[in-house]
Amino acid sequence: MATTAVAIKIDQITKERYKKLARIKNRSTHWMMREAINQYVDKEEKCQSFRHDAMHAWNEYQETGLHATGDEVIKWLNTWGTDGAEDVPECHQ
């Protein structure tokens, strides 16, 4: 994958913290910054995906009224990993 250089400005204290961590982890500060950015982007993409899925589910509920109650879901989850594992609760109005 092609890479491109970018410049960021950080305060001196943060720079020293990165240098210290890089020494401890036996990594370059460059590697540390790339890793931090990649982890942040991954986390934010997952958050956006969760928000999208939640809004989709909310809109579907608003349109159909179909749902499972919290008690029904908890009862189902409590059977996970057991010999008597139940099927997903049916949605209803």
C-alpha atoms as a PDB file:
ATOM      1  CA  MET A   1       0.000   0.000   0.000  1.00  0.00           C
ATOM      2  CA  ALA A   2       1.349   3.414  -0.911  1.00  0.00           C
ATOM      3  CA  THR A   3       1.979   5.796   1.938  1.00  0.00           C
ATOM      4  CA  THR A   4       2.139   9.543   2.074  1.00  0.00           C
ATOM      5  CA  ALA A   5       3.758  11.880   4.553  1.00  0.00           C
ATOM      6  CA  VAL A   6       1.700  14.180   6.740  1.00  0.00           C
ATOM      7  CA  ALA A   7       2.772  16.658   9.363  1.00  0.00           C
ATOM      8  CA  ILE A   8       1.120  17.202  12.698  1.00  0.00           C
ATOM      9  CA  LYS A   9       1.904  19.630  15.456  1.00  0.00           C
ATOM     10  CA  ILE A  10       1.962  18.355  19.018  1.00  0.00           C
ATOM     11  CA  ASP A  11       3.001  20.030  22.225  1.00  0.00           C
ATOM     12  CA  GLN A  12       6.377  19.277  23.755  1.00  0.00           C
ATOM     13  CA  ILE A  13       4.948  17.305  26.671  1.00  0.00           C
ATOM     14  CA  THR A  14       3.071  14.947  24.345  1.00  0.00           C
ATOM     15  CA  LYS A  15       6.170  14.581  22.201  1.00  0.00           C
ATOM     16  CA  GLU A  16       8.220  13.571  25.231  1.00  0.00           C
ATOM     17  CA  ARG A  17       5.537  11.122  26.328  1.00  0.00           C
ATOM     18  CA  TYR A  18       5.620   9.513  22.873  1.00  0.00           C
ATOM     19  CA  LYS A  19       9.396   9.310  22.927  1.00  0.00           C
ATOM     20  CA  LYS A  20       9.334   7.649  26.340  1.00  0.00           C
ATOM     21  CA  LEU A  21       6.721   5.107  25.278  1.00  0.00           C
ATOM     22  CA  ALA A  22       8.587   4.432  22.054  1.00  0.00           C
ATOM     23  CA  ARG A  23      11.764   3.657  24.009  1.00  0.00           C
ATOM     24  CA  ILE A  24       9.877   1.384  26.430  1.00  0.00           C
ATOM     25  CA  LYS A  25       8.172  -0.485  23.587  1.00  0.00           C
ATOM     26  CA  ASN A  26      11.335  -0.525  21.473  1.00  0.00           C
ATOM     27  CA  ARG A  27       9.456   1.184  18.628  1.00  0.00           C
ATOM     28  CA  SER A  28       9.982   4.366  16.690  1.00  0.00           C
ATOM     29  CA  THR A  29       7.877   7.422  17.458  1.00  0.00           C
ATOM     30  CA  HIS A  30       6.757   7.227  13.828  1.00  0.00           C
ATOM     31  CA  TRP A  31       5.418   3.704  14.402  1.00  0.00           C
ATOM     32  CA  MET A  32       3.702   4.820  17.611  1.00  0.00           C
ATOM     33  CA  MET A  33       1.924   7.694  15.877  1.00  0.00           C
ATOM     34  CA  ARG A  34       0.815   5.533  12.956  1.00  0.00           C
ATOM     35  CA  GLU A  35      -0.496   2.917  15.372  1.00  0.00           C
ATOM     36  CA  ALA A  36      -2.373   5.534  17.401  1.00  0.00           C
ATOM     37  CA  ILE A  37      -3.981   6.980  14.274  1.00  0.00           C
ATOM     38  CA  ASN A  38      -4.926   3.527  12.962  1.00  0.00           C
ATOM     39  CA  GLN A  39      -6.486   2.535  16.287  1.00  0.00           C
ATOM     40  CA  TYR A  40      -8.417   5.812  16.463  1.00  0.00           C
ATOM     41  CA  VAL A  41      -9.736   5.457  12.911  1.00  0.00           C
ATOM     42  CA  ASP A  42     -10.731   1.812  13.543  1.00  0.00           C
ATOM     43  CA  LYS A  43     -12.588   2.799  16.721  1.00  0.00           C
ATOM     44  CA  GLU A  44     -14.395   5.688  15.047  1.00  0.00           C
ATOM     45  CA  GLU A  45     -15.410   3.543  12.072  1.00  0.00           C
ATOM     46  CA  LYS A  46     -16.884   0.972  14.458  1.00  0.00           C
ATOM     47  CA  CYS A  47     -18.747   3.730  16.329  1.00  0.00           C
ATOM     48  CA  GLN A  48     -20.165   5.077  13.080  1.00  0.00           C
ATOM     49  CA  SER A  49     -21.211   1.586  12.005  1.00  0.00           C
ATOM     50  CA  PHE A  50     -22.925   1.042  15.373  1.00  0.00           C
ATOM     51  CA  ARG A  51     -24.746   4.373  15.089  1.00  0.00           C
ATOM     52  CA  HIS A  52     -25.850   3.537  11.548  1.00  0.00           C
ATOM     53  CA  ASP A  53     -27.140   0.112  12.605  1.00  0.00           C
ATOM     54  CA  ALA A  54     -28.925   1.596  15.619  1.00  0.00           C
ATOM     55  CA  MET A  55     -30.649   4.252  13.505  1.00  0.00           C
ATOM     56  CA  HIS A  56     -31.641   1.622  10.948  1.00  0.00           C
ATOM     57  CA  ALA A  57     -33.124  -0.552  13.717  1.00  0.00           C
ATOM     58  CA  TRP A  58     -34.928   2.442  15.249  1.00  0.00           C
ATOM     59  CA  ASN A  59     -36.412   3.444  11.880  1.00  0.00           C
ATOM     60  CA  GLU A  60     -37.513  -0.143  11.238  1.00  0.00           C
ATOM     61  CA  TYR A  61     -39.165  -0.255  14.663  1.00  0.00           C
ATOM     62  CA  GLN A  62     -40.887   3.072  13.997  1.00  0.00           C
ATOM     63  CA  GLU A  63     -42.266   1.700  10.711  1.00  0.00           C
ATOM     64  CA  THR A  64     -43.311  -1.776  11.875  1.00  0.00           C
ATOM     65  CA  GLY A  65     -43.607  -1.686  15.659  1.00  0.00           C
ATOM     66  CA  LEU A  66     -41.931  -5.103  15.763  1.00  0.00           C
ATOM     67  CA  HIS A  67     -39.728  -5.655  18.802  1.00  0.00           C
ATOM     68  CA  ALA A  68     -38.605  -8.058  21.508  1.00  0.00           C
ATOM     69  CA  THR A  69     -38.750  -6.887  25.114  1.00  0.00           C
ATOM     70  CA  GLY A  70     -35.680  -6.529  27.264  1.00  0.00           C
ATOM     71  CA  ASP A  71     -36.892  -9.366  29.491  1.00  0.00           C
ATOM     72  CA  GLU A  72     -37.305 -11.640  26.458  1.00  0.00           C
ATOM     73  CA  VAL A  73     -33.798 -10.872  25.251  1.00  0.00           C
ATOM     74  CA  ILE A  74     -32.253 -11.343  28.719  1.00  0.00           C
ATOM     75  CA  LYS A  75     -34.057 -14.682  29.117  1.00  0.00           C
ATOM     76  CA  TRP A  76     -32.663 -15.754  25.741  1.00  0.00           C
ATOM     77  CA  LEU A  77     -29.135 -14.533  26.518  1.00  0.00           C
ATOM     78  CA  ASN A  78     -29.136 -16.414  29.818  1.00  0.00           C
ATOM     79  CA  THR A  79     -29.430 -19.673  27.855  1.00  0.00           C
ATOM     80  CA  TRP A  80     -26.359 -19.038  25.710  1.00  0.00           C
ATOM     81  CA  GLY A  81     -23.692 -21.693  26.155  1.00  0.00           C
ATOM     82  CA  THR A  82     -26.069 -24.124  27.850  1.00  0.00           C
ATOM     83  CA  ASP A  83     -27.557 -27.395  26.663  1.00  0.00           C
ATOM     84  CA  GLY A  84     -30.975 -25.730  26.705  1.00  0.00           C
ATOM     85  CA  ALA A  85     -29.998 -22.749  24.544  1.00  0.00           C
ATOM     86  CA  GLU A  86     -33.139 -21.118  23.207  1.00  0.00           C
ATOM     87  CA  ASP A  87     -33.770 -19.651  19.768  1.00  0.00           C
ATOM     88  CA  VAL A  88     -33.768 -15.909  19.227  1.00  0.00           C
ATOM     89  CA  PRO A  89     -37.028 -14.466  20.588  1.00  0.00           C
ATOM     90  CA  GLU A  90     -39.653 -13.697  17.976  1.00  0.00           C
ATOM     91  CA  CYS A  91     -40.340 -10.051  17.271  1.00  0.00           C
ATOM     92  CA  HIS A  92     -43.889  -8.925  17.962  1.00  0.00           C
ATOM     93  CA  GLN A  93     -45.937  -5.754  18.286  1.00  0.00           C
END
